[in-house]
């Protein structure tokens, strides 16, 4: 299938003879970039329709697939998904370093992808300007059970305790966006994350009247108003 104008596909090596696919929606003169980890049941190319809105606001969008999704090889597991996010992070940083573009980077996770975004925010706070979670949860047990993704070789209780400690360690600026009537990941998960995250600069936006999968359709204006205000406020501050 022909790519939209200005869009490029990338294969990021994560193991010998195994790569995950990513799609880069790049705009000339962008003020910032978002490294985006999508939800379950989605692939990077699904963002062809929404990425132009990011671009029209001067934001690059780099959408990441997981093993077994889209053009990626392998099979998805929670451990590989989180581990692979590091390879993607370094790949994207090197890609931007090789260009003359600004390298102001935000990480964002939607739904299942929230765990990759959390992982990177905790590990690379000096290289990331802010964290955005949309329709997500910091409780891995619920997501693993809901999406039937194989868990790591540890108990879910141990995994959840470790995740909570990681959330408390994050001090980057944080934006949380969630639908009021999300039946898949209830809004209480967003509130729990917001209350537990260690960041002092944090904002919770609950979009009224929307659920898990219609949040960008019905709540589009409020969604992007919160997004762009957060990105530009932190992109413009001194590094």
Foldseek 3Di string as FASTA:
>chain_A
DDDDPQKDKDWFDDDVVWTWIKIKRDEPQALEEEEEEEAPPDARVVCPVVQVVCVVLRYIYIYTDFDPGDPGHDDDALVRRQSVLVRVVVVVQVVVVVDPYDHAYEYEYEASGLNNNLSCLLVCVVRYQEYEYENYALQVVLSCVLVVHHYPPDDSVVVRVVSLVSQLRGAHAYEYEYECAAPSRHCVRVVVSQVRGNHPHYDYHYQYPDYRPCCCPVVVVVVVVSVSVVVVVRSPDDD
